[in-house]
C-alpha cells in the first residue's frame, strides 16, 4: 500500500501533517519526501507530524524527519512528532532522535503544549 501525506493548517497556523498507509521505509520515504519537505518549508508556525497511521519507520524516515526539523529550526519554528506506535517509538529512542525534537503521545497532547500561553 502506498503512503499518503495529508496536511491541515489549523486556525492558529499550526500545521498537522498526517502520514498514513504503511511503512516509512526507503520506498515509502521516497514516495512522500519531496512533498513533505515542501510542506514543512512553507510553514512558519510549528508543524506536528502525526505518525499514528504508520506501521514502521526505518532510518530513511528518520532522516526525512530530521531534515524537516532542521528546516523548521532554521526558520525559527519547530517540528513535533505525535502518536508513534511502540515499534516506531523504539526506533526514535534507540537512534536518540527523541532528544532532537519533541515526541508526544497524541496530536492533542502536542497541540495542548504548543497552545500554552
Protein backbone atom coordinates (compact mmCIF):
# COMPACT_ATOMS: atom_id res chain seq x y z
CA UNK A 1 0.00 0.00 0.00
CA UNK A 2 1.28 3.46 -0.90
CA UNK A 3 1.79 6.10 1.73
CA UNK A 4 -0.48 9.11 1.82
CA UNK A 5 0.65 12.51 3.08
CA UNK A 6 -2.15 14.85 4.11
CA UNK A 7 -1.90 18.25 5.71
CA UNK A 8 -4.20 20.53 7.62
CA UNK A 9 -3.48 24.10 8.67
CA UNK A 10 -5.37 24.90 11.86
CA UNK A 11 -6.87 28.28 12.73
CA UNK A 12 -3.85 29.26 14.83
CA UNK A 13 -1.45 28.47 11.98
CA UNK A 14 -0.18 25.17 13.37
CA UNK A 15 0.09 22.55 10.63
CA UNK A 16 -0.66 18.88 11.16
CA UNK A 17 0.94 16.53 8.63
CA UNK A 18 -0.50 13.01 8.61
CA UNK A 19 1.44 10.17 7.05
CA UNK A 20 -0.68 7.04 6.64
CA UNK A 21 -0.75 3.77 4.81
CA UNK A 22 2.16 1.60 5.84
CA UNK A 23 5.87 1.99 6.38
CA UNK A 24 8.20 4.95 6.29
CA UNK A 25 10.99 2.74 4.95
CA UNK A 26 13.15 3.50 1.90
CA UNK A 27 10.40 3.17 -0.76
CA UNK A 28 7.78 4.80 1.46
CA UNK A 29 10.00 7.72 2.36
CA UNK A 30 10.98 8.29 -1.26
CA UNK A 31 7.29 8.41 -2.21
CA UNK A 32 6.44 11.28 0.19
CA UNK A 33 9.70 13.06 0.97
CA UNK A 34 9.57 15.78 -1.67
CA UNK A 35 6.01 16.73 -0.72
CA UNK A 36 6.85 16.52 3.00
CA UNK A 37 9.88 18.80 2.69
CA UNK A 38 7.93 21.25 0.52
CA UNK A 39 5.08 21.47 3.04
CA UNK A 40 7.45 21.84 6.00
CA UNK A 41 9.42 24.62 4.32
CA UNK A 42 6.21 26.58 3.64
CA UNK A 43 5.37 26.85 7.35
CA UNK A 44 6.34 29.50 9.85
CA UNK A 45 4.23 28.13 12.73
CA UNK A 46 5.02 24.77 14.36
CA UNK A 47 4.38 21.53 12.46
CA UNK A 48 3.06 18.36 14.07
CA UNK A 49 3.75 15.10 12.24
CA UNK A 50 1.04 12.56 13.08
CA UNK A 51 2.66 9.11 12.92
CA UNK A 52 -0.41 7.17 14.09
CA UNK A 53 -1.10 5.87 10.58
CA UNK A 54 2.31 4.19 10.19
CA UNK A 55 3.31 0.62 10.99
CA UNK A 56 7.08 1.01 10.75
CA UNK A 57 9.82 3.57 10.25
CA UNK A 58 13.41 3.00 9.17
CA UNK A 59 16.45 5.26 9.14
CA UNK A 60 15.16 6.70 5.85
CA UNK A 61 12.09 8.04 7.62
CA UNK A 62 14.20 9.34 10.50
CA UNK A 63 16.43 11.22 8.07
CA UNK A 64 13.39 12.80 6.40
CA UNK A 65 12.05 13.95 9.78
CA UNK A 66 15.44 15.30 10.84
CA UNK A 67 15.76 17.32 7.62
CA UNK A 68 12.29 18.73 8.26
CA UNK A 69 13.13 19.56 11.88
CA UNK A 70 16.32 21.35 10.78
CA UNK A 71 14.38 23.38 8.22
CA UNK A 72 11.82 24.33 10.87
CA UNK A 73 14.57 25.26 13.35
CA UNK A 74 16.32 27.39 10.74
CA UNK A 75 13.00 29.18 10.13
CA UNK A 76 12.61 29.86 13.85
CA UNK A 77 9.93 27.28 14.48
CA UNK A 78 9.69 23.62 15.48
CA UNK A 79 8.67 20.18 14.28
CA UNK A 80 6.87 17.85 16.69
CA UNK A 81 6.16 14.14 16.33
CA UNK A 82 2.89 12.71 17.60
CA UNK A 83 1.36 9.29 18.22
CA UNK A 84 4.14 6.89 17.22
CA UNK A 85 3.35 3.23 17.85
CA UNK A 86 5.62 1.19 20.14
CA UNK A 87 7.89 -0.05 17.32
CA UNK A 88 8.34 3.43 15.85
CA UNK A 89 8.99 4.92 19.29
CA UNK A 90 11.71 2.32 19.85
CA UNK A 91 13.39 3.36 16.59
CA UNK A 92 13.15 7.03 17.60
CA UNK A 93 14.53 6.36 21.08
CA UNK A 94 17.34 3.98 20.09
CA UNK A 95 18.55 6.45 17.48
CA UNK A 96 18.46 9.30 20.01
CA UNK A 97 16.03 11.33 17.92
CA UNK A 98 13.74 11.78 20.92
CA UNK A 99 16.33 14.30 22.12
CA UNK A 100 16.32 16.18 18.80
CA UNK A 101 12.66 17.07 18.63
CA UNK A 102 9.60 16.67 20.87
CA UNK A 103 7.63 13.44 20.69
CA UNK A 104 4.06 13.45 22.01
CA UNK A 105 1.65 10.61 22.75
CA UNK A 106 -1.04 12.21 20.59
CA UNK A 107 -1.73 15.15 18.31
CA UNK A 108 -3.94 16.57 21.06
CA UNK A 109 -1.04 16.48 23.53
CA UNK A 110 1.19 18.29 21.03
CA UNK A 111 -1.48 20.92 20.38
CA UNK A 112 -2.05 21.44 24.11
CA UNK A 113 1.66 22.09 24.62
CA UNK A 114 2.00 24.39 21.62
CA UNK A 115 -1.07 26.41 22.57
CA UNK A 116 0.06 27.14 26.11
CA UNK A 117 0.40 30.88 26.71
